[in-house]
């Protein structure tokens, strides 16, 4: 009985010693074991492999630009109209494809908007909501030239000095749209609308000859009526 108790005591002491050794030290081994290992492969893209963000179509190079002879993509080739668009527009050390992408996205925005509402597309160009639309349409999506032509005849909300006389239509149906035309002496020559517009009504303005400025608020943009 005594021998068996002594043997049990020896075994218990050994077990306690082993436990103390495995849990002692600075805990680095336990921390390493507890920390999950990274997967062998990750679905997250490597930043180095990511495509560069498109360059704003309105961005004008302030330094040296790539000569036309070096306007080549990493793969494939540019179409003649794409090269025309890129000429003088790509800063040195910039991927021409990134600049082209900015113009293509401007075209896509015009096309999508015009498909739903041509007035909305025209107004967006006038208001500057589609950066670089003019050059993008000219070279990359000429089928949208009618929208650009309408926008070039219009003007945005705010104050316009020396406006051309004539009738204009607001590219909005907002009931908060108001306007007035003033003479050189600051007198009001015309203003409107004469009655509060109802939702869905077309809002028009007539600028008399001799008007020195035309001011509108809440009207978004104007085109000849």
Protein backbone atom coordinates (compact mmCIF):
# COMPACT_ATOMS: atom_id res chain seq x y z
CA UNK A 1 0.00 0.00 0.00
CA UNK A 2 2.80 2.36 0.87
CA UNK A 3 4.72 1.55 -2.30
CA UNK A 4 1.68 2.25 -4.49
CA UNK A 5 1.08 5.63 -2.74
CA UNK A 6 4.71 6.61 -3.21
CA UNK A 7 4.62 5.70 -6.88
CA UNK A 8 1.43 7.72 -7.36
CA UNK A 9 3.03 10.72 -5.68
CA UNK A 10 6.06 10.49 -7.99
CA UNK A 11 3.82 10.35 -11.07
CA UNK A 12 1.75 13.32 -9.86
CA UNK A 13 4.89 15.42 -9.25
CA UNK A 14 6.16 14.61 -12.74
CA UNK A 15 2.87 15.62 -14.29
CA UNK A 16 2.87 18.92 -12.42
CA UNK A 17 6.44 19.61 -13.56
CA UNK A 18 5.55 18.99 -17.21
CA UNK A 19 2.50 21.24 -16.93
CA UNK A 20 4.56 24.05 -15.41
CA UNK A 21 7.16 23.78 -18.18
CA UNK A 22 4.59 23.87 -20.97
CA UNK A 23 2.81 26.90 -19.50
CA UNK A 24 5.87 28.81 -18.34
CA UNK A 25 8.23 31.16 -20.19
CA UNK A 26 6.99 34.26 -21.99
CA UNK A 27 3.95 32.59 -23.57
CA UNK A 28 5.21 33.04 -27.15
CA UNK A 29 4.64 29.41 -28.04
CA UNK A 30 1.03 29.56 -26.85
CA UNK A 31 0.42 32.84 -28.65
CA UNK A 32 1.81 31.44 -31.89
CA UNK A 33 -0.36 28.38 -31.58
CA UNK A 34 -3.47 30.45 -30.86
CA UNK A 35 -2.90 32.88 -33.75
CA UNK A 36 -4.63 31.66 -36.92
CA UNK A 37 -2.38 31.13 -39.89
CA UNK A 38 -3.05 33.10 -43.09
CA UNK A 39 -4.67 31.08 -45.88
CA UNK A 40 -2.43 29.69 -48.58
CA UNK A 41 -4.23 31.87 -51.11
CA UNK A 42 -6.42 34.93 -50.65
CA UNK A 43 -9.29 36.25 -52.72
CA UNK A 44 -8.30 39.84 -51.88
CA UNK A 45 -6.61 41.51 -54.87
CA UNK A 46 -3.02 42.57 -54.65
CA UNK A 47 -2.87 46.39 -54.84
CA UNK A 48 -0.01 46.03 -57.32
CA UNK A 49 -2.29 44.09 -59.66
CA UNK A 50 -5.22 46.51 -59.40
CA UNK A 51 -6.08 48.64 -62.40
CA UNK A 52 -5.28 52.34 -61.96
CA UNK A 53 -8.25 54.62 -61.30
CA UNK A 54 -9.54 56.49 -64.35
CA UNK A 55 -8.11 59.97 -64.85
CA UNK A 56 -10.67 62.77 -64.76
CA UNK A 57 -11.55 63.83 -68.32
CA UNK A 58 -11.33 67.45 -67.17
CA UNK A 59 -7.81 67.04 -65.81
CA UNK A 60 -5.42 69.17 -67.86
CA UNK A 61 -1.75 68.20 -67.81
CA UNK A 62 0.34 70.86 -66.12
CA UNK A 63 3.66 69.36 -67.16
CA UNK A 64 5.15 67.37 -70.02
CA UNK A 65 2.82 65.04 -71.90
CA UNK A 66 3.46 61.84 -73.77
CA UNK A 67 4.19 62.41 -77.46
CA UNK A 68 1.67 60.87 -79.84
CA UNK A 69 4.22 58.23 -80.88
CA UNK A 70 4.19 56.84 -77.33
CA UNK A 71 0.43 56.69 -76.95
CA UNK A 72 0.25 52.91 -76.90
CA UNK A 73 -1.59 50.61 -74.46
CA UNK A 74 0.17 47.80 -72.62
CA UNK A 75 -1.77 45.31 -74.76
CA UNK A 76 -3.52 45.72 -78.09
CA UNK A 77 -3.76 49.08 -79.83
CA UNK A 78 -5.80 52.27 -79.78
CA UNK A 79 -8.28 53.14 -82.50
CA UNK A 80 -7.61 56.30 -84.55
CA UNK A 81 -10.36 58.26 -82.77
CA UNK A 82 -9.00 57.16 -79.39
CA UNK A 83 -5.53 58.42 -80.32
CA UNK A 84 -7.08 61.74 -81.33
CA UNK A 85 -8.76 62.00 -77.97
CA UNK A 86 -5.53 61.17 -76.11
CA UNK A 87 -3.29 63.53 -78.09
CA UNK A 88 -1.82 66.14 -75.74
CA UNK A 89 -3.89 64.83 -72.85
CA UNK A 90 -1.69 62.16 -71.23
CA UNK A 91 0.90 63.31 -68.67
CA UNK A 92 4.28 61.60 -68.68
CA UNK A 93 4.46 58.41 -66.59
CA UNK A 94 0.69 57.97 -66.91
CA UNK A 95 -0.99 55.00 -68.53
CA UNK A 96 -2.86 56.30 -71.62
CA UNK A 97 -5.50 53.62 -71.03
CA UNK A 98 -6.42 55.25 -67.70
CA UNK A 99 -6.97 58.60 -69.42
CA UNK A 100 -9.03 56.93 -72.14
CA UNK A 101 -11.14 55.21 -69.50
CA UNK A 102 -12.13 58.58 -68.06
CA UNK A 103 -13.41 59.72 -71.46
CA UNK A 104 -15.24 56.46 -72.05
CA UNK A 105 -17.01 56.77 -68.71
CA UNK A 106 -18.12 60.32 -69.62
CA UNK A 107 -19.62 58.90 -72.82
CA UNK A 108 -21.39 56.16 -70.91
CA UNK A 109 -22.95 58.67 -68.53
CA UNK A 110 -24.22 60.80 -71.41
CA UNK A 111 -25.59 57.77 -73.23
CA UNK A 112 -27.36 56.34 -70.19
CA UNK A 113 -28.92 59.69 -69.27
CA UNK A 114 -29.95 60.56 -72.81
CA UNK A 115 -31.61 57.19 -73.21
CA UNK A 116 -33.94 58.06 -70.34
CA UNK A 117 -34.26 61.81 -70.88
CA UNK A 118 -32.40 63.93 -73.46
CA UNK A 119 -33.20 67.12 -71.58
CA UNK A 120 -31.58 65.65 -68.47
CA UNK A 121 -28.44 64.76 -70.44
CA UNK A 122 -28.31 68.22 -71.99
CA UNK A 123 -28.74 69.87 -68.60
CA UNK A 124 -26.06 67.68 -67.03
CA UNK A 125 -23.55 68.78 -69.66
CA UNK A 126 -24.48 72.46 -69.25
CA UNK A 127 -24.22 72.21 -65.45
CA UNK A 128 -20.83 70.50 -65.65
CA UNK A 129 -22.08 67.34 -63.97
CA UNK A 130 -20.40 65.15 -66.62
CA UNK A 131 -16.75 66.29 -66.67
CA UNK A 132 -15.06 66.30 -70.06
CA UNK A 133 -18.28 65.56 -71.94
CA UNK A 134 -17.46 67.85 -74.87
CA UNK A 135 -14.18 66.20 -75.89
CA UNK A 136 -15.45 62.73 -75.02
CA UNK A 137 -18.46 63.12 -77.30
CA UNK A 138 -16.41 64.75 -80.07
CA UNK A 139 -13.94 61.87 -80.32
CA UNK A 140 -15.33 58.83 -78.54
CA UNK A 141 -19.13 58.86 -78.92
CA UNK A 142 -20.03 61.17 -81.82
CA UNK A 143 -23.54 59.69 -81.93
CA UNK A 144 -24.25 61.94 -78.92
CA UNK A 145 -23.37 65.13 -80.83
CA UNK A 146 -27.04 66.27 -80.98
CA UNK A 147 -27.09 66.34 -77.17
CA UNK A 148 -23.82 68.29 -77.13
CA UNK A 149 -25.11 70.73 -79.76
CA UNK A 150 -28.19 71.44 -77.65
CA UNK A 151 -26.01 71.96 -74.55
CA UNK A 152 -23.71 74.39 -76.36
CA UNK A 153 -26.68 76.66 -77.07
CA UNK A 154 -27.76 76.71 -73.45
CA UNK A 155 -26.49 78.14 -70.18
CA UNK A 156 -26.69 77.28 -66.51
CA UNK A 157 -28.54 78.65 -63.52
CA UNK A 158 -27.20 81.84 -61.94
CA UNK A 159 -26.38 85.22 -63.48
CA UNK A 160 -25.56 85.49 -67.18
CA UNK A 161 -24.20 88.86 -68.43
CA UNK A 162 -25.22 90.19 -71.84
CA UNK A 163 -27.69 87.40 -72.62
CA UNK A 164 -28.93 86.91 -76.16
CA UNK A 165 -32.52 88.01 -76.59
CA UNK A 166 -35.08 85.29 -77.19
CA UNK A 167 -37.24 82.64 -75.60
CA UNK A 168 -35.72 79.94 -73.43
CA UNK A 169 -36.94 76.82 -71.69
CA UNK A 170 -35.76 75.68 -68.26
CA UNK A 171 -34.56 72.08 -68.09
CA UNK A 172 -36.43 71.50 -64.87
CA UNK A 173 -39.99 71.23 -63.66
CA UNK A 174 -39.20 72.56 -60.22
CA UNK A 175 -41.85 74.84 -58.77
CA UNK A 176 -39.10 76.93 -57.13
CA UNK A 177 -37.66 78.17 -60.45
CA UNK A 178 -37.67 81.99 -60.75
CA UNK A 179 -35.92 84.36 -63.16
CA UNK A 180 -35.54 88.03 -64.11
CA UNK A 181 -33.88 90.07 -66.83
CA UNK A 182 -32.36 93.46 -65.95
CA UNK A 183 -31.31 96.46 -68.03
CA UNK A 184 -28.03 98.32 -67.85
CA UNK A 185 -29.45 100.63 -65.17
CA UNK A 186 -30.45 97.65 -63.01
CA UNK A 187 -34.14 97.97 -63.72
CA UNK A 188 -36.14 94.76 -64.10
CA UNK A 189 -37.22 94.36 -67.73
CA UNK A 190 -38.95 91.01 -67.31
CA UNK A 191 -39.38 88.34 -64.66
CA UNK A 192 -41.18 85.11 -64.10
CA UNK A 193 -42.89 82.89 -63.89
CA UNK A 194 -46.00 85.03 -63.99
CA UNK A 195 -47.91 82.41 -62.00
CA UNK A 196 -46.53 79.67 -59.72
CA UNK A 197 -45.79 76.69 -62.00
CA UNK A 198 -47.52 73.42 -61.38
CA UNK A 199 -45.62 70.13 -61.19
CA UNK A 200 -44.89 68.97 -64.73
CA UNK A 201 -45.33 72.40 -66.34
CA UNK A 202 -42.69 73.66 -68.75
CA UNK A 203 -41.05 76.84 -67.53
CA UNK A 204 -40.13 79.43 -70.13
CA UNK A 205 -38.48 82.83 -70.04
CA UNK A 206 -38.33 85.63 -72.61
CA UNK A 207 -35.23 87.78 -72.53
CA UNK A 208 -35.93 91.17 -74.14
CA UNK A 209 -33.38 92.84 -76.35
CA UNK A 210 -31.16 95.25 -74.47
CA UNK A 211 -31.05 93.10 -71.32
CA UNK A 212 -27.74 93.51 -69.51
CA UNK A 213 -28.07 90.36 -67.42
CA UNK A 214 -30.33 87.39 -66.85
CA UNK A 215 -30.54 85.78 -63.42
CA UNK A 216 -32.31 82.57 -62.47
CA UNK A 217 -32.59 80.49 -59.33
CA UNK A 218 -33.73 76.88 -59.01
CA UNK A 219 -34.02 76.49 -62.79
CA UNK A 220 -30.97 74.18 -63.32
CA UNK A 221 -30.23 75.09 -66.96
CA UNK A 222 -31.74 76.82 -69.99
CA UNK A 223 -31.89 76.08 -73.71
CA UNK A 224 -33.56 78.01 -76.55
CA UNK A 225 -37.30 77.28 -76.56
